[in-house]
Amino acid sequence: MVLSSLDEAHINFSTETLWILNVILALVMFGVALHIRVRDFKALLRDPRSLLVGVFCQFLALPLVTFLLVIAFRPQPSLALGMILVAACPGGNISNFITSLGGGNRALSVALTANATLLAILFTPLNLGFWGSLYPPAQNLLRDISLNPLEMVEIVALILGLPLLAGVWLHERFPELARRLAKVLKHISLLFFGCLILFVLYNNRVQIREYLLLVFWLVVLQNAMAFLTGYTAARLAGLPSEDIRCITIETGIQNSGLGLVLIFTFFEGLGGMAVLTAFWGVWHLISGMLLGSFWAFRPLRKEVGG
């Protein structure tokens, strides 16, 4: 039976491919960090409301909303863990581009990416372990894997934290070199990442074809709820329209690449988790670009009185 076999299924992903994915993710993060200026952080710290709302949405609200979806729909344990892992990851790097496209606050987007990346070193393992353990059907999977939070912290720090700090340092010390490198890395790293994901999807086309319909509606629903969570929280906080757009996009675009690294490092390519996370990586680009394009045709009105 397809449902019963999903939790035992494993996706083909070699050690060499995992190593390449780690390097590409580090390059993507380094490229994003080359745009980050220390003064952008100082400006946001003078009025940190938007930054705090964005962090709240990514690491508290979205995992909670995802857990409620899991409780409501009772998916297979591996699918539930995949949903929780995606929600536990920081915002995806492509969110900066989509925020710019949709007329959102780009400085806030970059700052959120940077802060979420650093916070993910602690909160990604914490959220995965906490929310995953609250869903009884997934508890056995977590026990079987013997998840090591400290090892997960180390991996997140190496592939996201260090490249982020290196990129910010280079921008501050050698801004002209950083600008040149950013132009090159922006296209090359994303191209390599896209090609690698397509290669993995093709290499596992039989498993993906078999399970795709099971994960499609879960991914679409979770992604829609992520966008709605960001939008609602930002509106309730009374933030400016460009910040609302930014936080909506940042909450709906997750770093599924990091999720795949963790799945193939700690969960041995567990089928439900891997298929769901890989499809997230494709779908959130489609939904994000659609939302960004929609907002691009709806220019922001000037807001009076801050």
Protein backbone atom coordinates (compact mmCIF):
# COMPACT_ATOMS: atom_id res chain seq x y z
CA MET A 1 0.00 0.00 0.00
CA VAL A 2 1.37 3.45 -0.93
CA LEU A 3 0.61 5.08 2.43
CA SER A 4 2.20 2.32 4.49
CA SER A 5 5.30 2.22 2.26
CA LEU A 6 5.86 5.98 2.39
CA ASP A 7 7.50 6.00 5.82
CA GLU A 8 9.87 3.18 4.77
CA ALA A 9 10.75 4.71 1.40
CA HIS A 10 14.18 6.29 0.94
CA ILE A 11 15.34 8.75 -1.69
CA ASN A 12 18.56 8.09 -3.63
CA PHE A 13 21.09 10.74 -2.64
CA SER A 14 24.81 9.96 -2.59
CA THR A 15 27.38 11.30 -0.13
CA GLU A 16 29.01 13.19 -3.00
CA THR A 17 25.71 14.84 -3.95
CA LEU A 18 25.12 15.84 -0.33
CA TRP A 19 28.58 17.40 -0.17
CA ILE A 20 27.88 19.36 -3.38
CA LEU A 21 24.53 20.56 -1.96
CA ASN A 22 26.29 21.78 1.21
CA VAL A 23 28.81 23.76 -0.85
CA ILE A 24 26.12 25.28 -3.08
CA LEU A 25 24.00 26.32 -0.09
CA ALA A 26 27.04 27.94 1.51
CA LEU A 27 27.76 29.81 -1.75
CA VAL A 28 24.14 31.01 -2.01
CA MET A 29 24.25 32.27 1.58
CA PHE A 30 27.63 33.94 1.01
CA GLY A 31 26.24 35.66 -2.08
CA VAL A 32 23.23 37.00 -0.15
CA ALA A 33 25.49 38.21 2.67
CA LEU A 34 27.55 40.27 0.21
CA HIS A 35 24.55 42.64 -0.01
CA ILE A 36 24.26 43.07 3.76
CA ARG A 37 25.57 46.24 5.39
CA VAL A 38 26.03 46.71 9.12
CA ARG A 39 24.28 50.09 8.92
CA ASP A 40 21.12 48.34 7.67
CA PHE A 41 20.99 46.50 10.99
CA LYS A 42 21.59 49.70 12.95
CA ALA A 43 18.69 51.41 11.15
CA LEU A 44 16.35 48.52 11.93
CA LEU A 45 17.45 48.42 15.57
CA ARG A 46 16.22 52.00 15.99
CA ASP A 47 12.70 50.69 15.24
CA PRO A 48 12.91 46.89 15.56
CA ARG A 49 9.16 46.22 15.43
CA SER A 50 9.13 44.86 11.87
CA LEU A 51 12.22 42.73 12.49
CA LEU A 52 10.72 41.24 15.65
CA VAL A 53 7.40 40.48 13.91
CA GLY A 54 9.28 38.76 11.07
CA VAL A 55 11.33 36.62 13.47
CA PHE A 56 8.18 35.80 15.46
CA CYS A 57 6.41 34.62 12.29
CA GLN A 58 9.30 32.43 11.15
CA PHE A 59 10.29 30.69 14.37
CA LEU A 60 7.16 30.75 16.54
CA ALA A 61 3.98 31.36 14.53
CA LEU A 62 4.75 29.21 11.47
CA PRO A 63 5.85 26.10 13.45
CA LEU A 64 2.71 26.44 15.60
CA VAL A 65 0.41 26.82 12.57
CA THR A 66 2.13 23.84 10.92
CA PHE A 67 1.66 21.70 14.02
CA LEU A 68 -2.05 22.59 14.05
CA LEU A 69 -2.27 21.51 10.39
CA VAL A 70 -0.57 18.22 11.28
CA ILE A 71 -3.03 17.63 14.14
CA ALA A 72 -5.99 18.51 11.91
CA PHE A 73 -5.06 16.33 8.90
CA ARG A 74 -3.04 13.54 10.59
CA PRO A 75 -0.60 12.87 7.72
CA GLN A 76 1.82 9.94 7.69
CA PRO A 77 4.63 10.38 10.29
CA SER A 78 7.33 11.06 7.68
CA LEU A 79 5.12 13.66 5.95
CA ALA A 80 4.35 15.30 9.30
CA LEU A 81 8.06 15.51 10.13
CA GLY A 82 8.72 16.96 6.67
CA MET A 83 6.13 19.69 7.27
CA ILE A 84 7.56 20.47 10.71
CA LEU A 85 11.13 20.54 9.37
CA VAL A 86 10.21 22.96 6.57
CA ALA A 87 8.53 25.24 9.13
CA ALA A 88 11.61 25.02 11.36
CA CYS A 89 13.97 26.18 8.61
CA PRO A 90 14.84 29.88 8.16
CA GLY A 91 13.55 31.93 5.24
CA GLY A 92 14.82 31.02 1.78
CA ASN A 93 17.42 33.17 0.04
CA ILE A 94 15.24 33.75 -3.04
CA SER A 95 12.87 35.73 -0.78
CA ASN A 96 15.09 38.81 -1.19
CA PHE A 97 14.51 38.83 -4.94
CA ILE A 98 10.76 38.18 -4.61
CA THR A 99 10.43 40.94 -2.00
CA SER A 100 12.07 43.39 -4.40
CA LEU A 101 9.79 42.23 -7.22
CA GLY A 102 6.69 42.69 -5.06
CA GLY A 103 7.58 46.17 -3.81
CA GLY A 104 8.43 45.04 -0.29
CA ASN A 105 11.07 46.42 2.06
CA ARG A 106 14.31 44.95 0.67
CA ALA A 107 16.49 46.14 3.56
CA LEU A 108 14.13 44.42 6.00
CA SER A 109 14.13 41.29 3.82
CA VAL A 110 17.92 41.04 3.83
CA ALA A 111 18.06 41.75 7.58
CA LEU A 112 15.44 39.07 8.24
CA THR A 113 17.38 36.58 6.12
CA ALA A 114 20.55 37.33 8.09
CA ASN A 115 18.91 37.21 11.52
CA ALA A 116 16.84 34.13 10.71
CA THR A 117 19.97 32.37 9.45
CA LEU A 118 21.82 33.01 12.70
CA LEU A 119 18.78 32.14 14.84
CA ALA A 120 18.27 28.93 12.82
CA ILE A 121 21.48 27.55 14.31
CA LEU A 122 19.54 27.21 17.56
CA PHE A 123 15.86 27.27 16.58
CA THR A 124 15.82 24.81 13.66
CA PRO A 125 16.91 21.79 15.77
CA LEU A 126 14.85 23.05 18.72
CA ASN A 127 11.61 23.46 16.75
CA LEU A 128 12.03 20.16 14.91
CA GLY A 129 12.64 18.23 18.12
CA PHE A 130 9.93 20.02 20.12
CA TRP A 131 7.02 19.98 17.65
CA GLY A 132 7.98 16.59 16.21
CA SER A 133 7.89 15.00 19.67
CA LEU A 134 4.37 16.38 20.27
CA TYR A 135 2.95 14.38 17.34
CA PRO A 136 2.70 10.79 18.69
CA PRO A 137 2.92 8.98 15.30
CA ALA A 138 6.24 10.74 14.60
CA GLN A 139 7.81 9.99 17.98
CA ASN A 140 9.01 6.53 16.92
CA LEU A 141 10.72 7.97 13.83
CA LEU A 142 12.53 10.56 15.95
CA ARG A 143 13.60 7.84 18.40
CA ASP A 144 14.83 5.56 15.61
CA ILE A 145 16.91 8.35 14.09
CA SER A 146 18.48 9.33 17.45
CA LEU A 147 18.58 12.95 16.37
CA ASN A 148 21.63 14.79 17.70
CA PRO A 149 20.68 18.48 18.14
CA LEU A 150 24.28 19.59 18.70
CA GLU A 151 25.42 17.97 15.47
CA MET A 152 22.52 19.65 13.65
CA VAL A 153 23.55 23.01 15.18
CA GLU A 154 27.07 22.43 13.87
CA ILE A 155 25.89 21.71 10.31
CA VAL A 156 23.56 24.73 10.19
CA ALA A 157 26.35 26.96 11.52
CA LEU A 158 28.83 25.67 8.93
CA ILE A 159 26.65 25.95 5.82
CA LEU A 160 24.72 29.11 6.76
CA GLY A 161 26.29 30.92 9.72
CA LEU A 162 29.92 31.05 8.60
CA PRO A 163 29.18 32.09 4.98
CA LEU A 164 26.86 34.82 6.32
CA LEU A 165 29.52 36.28 8.62
CA ALA A 166 32.19 35.99 5.90
CA GLY A 167 30.00 37.83 3.38
CA VAL A 168 29.16 40.67 5.78
CA TRP A 169 32.85 41.03 6.71
CA LEU A 170 33.91 41.17 3.05
CA HIS A 171 31.26 43.80 2.26
CA GLU A 172 32.45 45.98 5.13
CA ARG A 173 36.17 45.64 4.33
CA PHE A 174 36.14 45.46 0.51
CA PRO A 175 32.77 46.80 -0.73
CA GLU A 176 33.76 47.04 -4.40
CA LEU A 177 35.02 43.44 -4.50
CA ALA A 178 31.85 42.34 -2.67
CA ARG A 179 29.65 44.03 -5.30
CA ARG A 180 31.48 42.31 -8.15
CA LEU A 181 31.38 38.91 -6.47
CA ALA A 182 27.69 39.32 -5.62
CA LYS A 183 26.75 39.79 -9.28
CA VAL A 184 28.56 36.60 -10.28
CA LEU A 185 27.50 34.43 -7.35
CA LYS A 186 23.85 35.48 -7.50
CA HIS A 187 23.34 33.78 -10.86
CA ILE A 188 25.88 30.95 -10.70
CA SER A 189 24.97 29.62 -7.23
CA LEU A 190 21.22 29.69 -7.93
CA LEU A 191 21.77 28.02 -11.31
CA PHE A 192 23.83 25.25 -9.70
CA PHE A 193 21.24 24.83 -6.95
CA GLY A 194 18.40 24.58 -9.48
CA CYS A 195 20.32 22.04 -11.58
CA LEU A 196 21.11 19.92 -8.53
CA ILE A 197 17.46 19.84 -7.41
CA LEU A 198 16.38 18.86 -10.94
CA PHE A 199 19.04 16.12 -10.97
CA VAL A 200 17.79 14.74 -7.63
CA LEU A 201 14.17 14.88 -8.81
CA TYR A 202 15.05 13.07 -12.05
CA ASN A 203 17.14 10.48 -10.23
CA ASN A 204 14.18 9.69 -7.97
CA ARG A 205 11.42 10.16 -10.54
CA VAL A 206 9.82 6.77 -9.81
CA GLN A 207 9.44 7.45 -6.07
CA ILE A 208 8.33 11.03 -6.67
CA ARG A 209 5.73 10.01 -9.26
CA GLU A 210 4.36 7.46 -6.81
CA TYR A 211 4.08 9.82 -3.84
CA LEU A 212 3.63 13.29 -5.39
CA LEU A 213 -0.16 13.36 -5.19
CA LEU A 214 0.05 12.56 -1.47
CA VAL A 215 2.27 15.56 -0.73
CA PHE A 216 0.92 18.07 -3.28
CA TRP A 217 -2.10 19.27 -1.32
CA LEU A 218 -0.16 19.31 1.98
CA VAL A 219 2.57 21.51 0.52
CA VAL A 220 0.12 23.89 -1.18
CA LEU A 221 -1.96 24.21 1.99
CA GLN A 222 1.03 24.70 4.31
CA ASN A 223 2.59 27.25 1.96
CA ALA A 224 -0.67 29.21 1.70
CA MET A 225 -1.00 29.20 5.49
CA ALA A 226 2.60 30.41 5.80
CA PHE A 227 1.90 33.42 3.57
CA LEU A 228 -1.35 34.08 5.45
CA THR A 229 0.41 33.85 8.82
CA GLY A 230 3.02 36.44 7.83
CA TYR A 231 0.44 38.77 6.29
CA THR A 232 -1.96 38.56 9.24
CA ALA A 233 0.70 39.07 11.92
CA ALA A 234 2.20 42.06 10.09
CA ARG A 235 -1.22 43.64 9.55
CA LEU A 236 -2.21 43.14 13.19
CA ALA A 237 1.07 44.75 14.26
CA GLY A 238 0.17 47.85 12.24
CA LEU A 239 3.32 47.76 10.11
CA PRO A 240 3.83 49.81 6.92
CA SER A 241 2.58 48.19 3.71
CA GLU A 242 6.08 47.52 2.32
CA ASP A 243 6.98 45.72 5.56
CA ILE A 244 3.76 43.68 5.40
CA ARG A 245 4.68 42.50 1.91
CA CYS A 246 8.20 41.65 3.01
CA ILE A 247 7.15 39.65 6.09
CA THR A 248 4.46 37.82 4.11
CA ILE A 249 7.06 36.68 1.57
CA GLU A 250 9.73 35.90 4.18
CA THR A 251 7.29 33.66 6.06
CA GLY A 252 6.12 31.82 2.95
CA ILE A 253 9.55 31.20 1.41
CA GLN A 254 11.51 28.63 3.43
CA ASN A 255 15.06 27.33 3.03
CA SER A 256 14.08 23.90 1.72
CA GLY A 257 17.68 23.33 0.62
CA LEU A 258 18.74 23.31 4.27
CA GLY A 259 15.85 20.95 4.97
CA LEU A 260 17.14 18.50 2.35
CA VAL A 261 20.65 18.64 3.81
CA LEU A 262 19.30 17.76 7.26
CA ILE A 263 17.06 15.00 5.87
CA PHE A 264 19.91 13.28 4.04
CA THR A 265 22.33 13.80 6.93
CA PHE A 266 20.16 12.70 9.85
CA PHE A 267 17.13 10.90 8.38
CA GLU A 268 18.84 8.81 5.67
CA GLY A 269 16.69 10.29 2.90
CA LEU A 270 13.40 9.31 4.57
CA GLY A 271 10.89 9.19 1.71
CA GLY A 272 7.98 11.26 3.01
CA MET A 273 10.22 13.98 4.41
CA ALA A 274 12.40 14.17 1.30
CA VAL A 275 9.58 14.20 -1.28
CA LEU A 276 7.61 16.83 0.66
CA THR A 277 10.64 19.08 1.20
CA ALA A 278 11.82 18.76 -2.40
CA PHE A 279 8.35 19.65 -3.67
CA TRP A 280 8.27 22.60 -1.25
CA GLY A 281 11.48 23.80 -2.90
CA VAL A 282 9.73 23.88 -6.27
CA TRP A 283 6.28 25.04 -5.18
CA HIS A 284 7.30 28.00 -3.00
CA LEU A 285 9.20 29.45 -5.98
CA ILE A 286 6.02 29.24 -8.09
CA SER A 287 3.71 30.65 -5.40
CA GLY A 288 6.26 33.27 -4.35
CA MET A 289 6.77 34.51 -7.91
CA LEU A 290 2.99 34.62 -8.46
CA LEU A 291 2.50 36.68 -5.29
CA GLY A 292 5.46 38.95 -6.08
CA SER A 293 4.20 39.52 -9.63
CA PHE A 294 0.67 40.24 -8.37
CA TRP A 295 2.01 42.88 -5.97
CA ALA A 296 4.30 44.29 -8.66
CA PHE A 297 1.16 45.38 -10.54
CA ARG A 298 -0.30 46.92 -7.38
CA PRO A 299 2.05 49.79 -6.47
CA LEU A 300 2.11 50.88 -2.84
CA ARG A 301 0.34 54.10 -1.99
CA LYS A 302 2.35 56.59 0.01
CA GLU A 303 1.47 56.28 3.67
CA VAL A 304 0.95 59.51 5.55
CA GLY A 305 2.18 60.03 9.06
CA GLY A 306 4.53 56.96 9.32
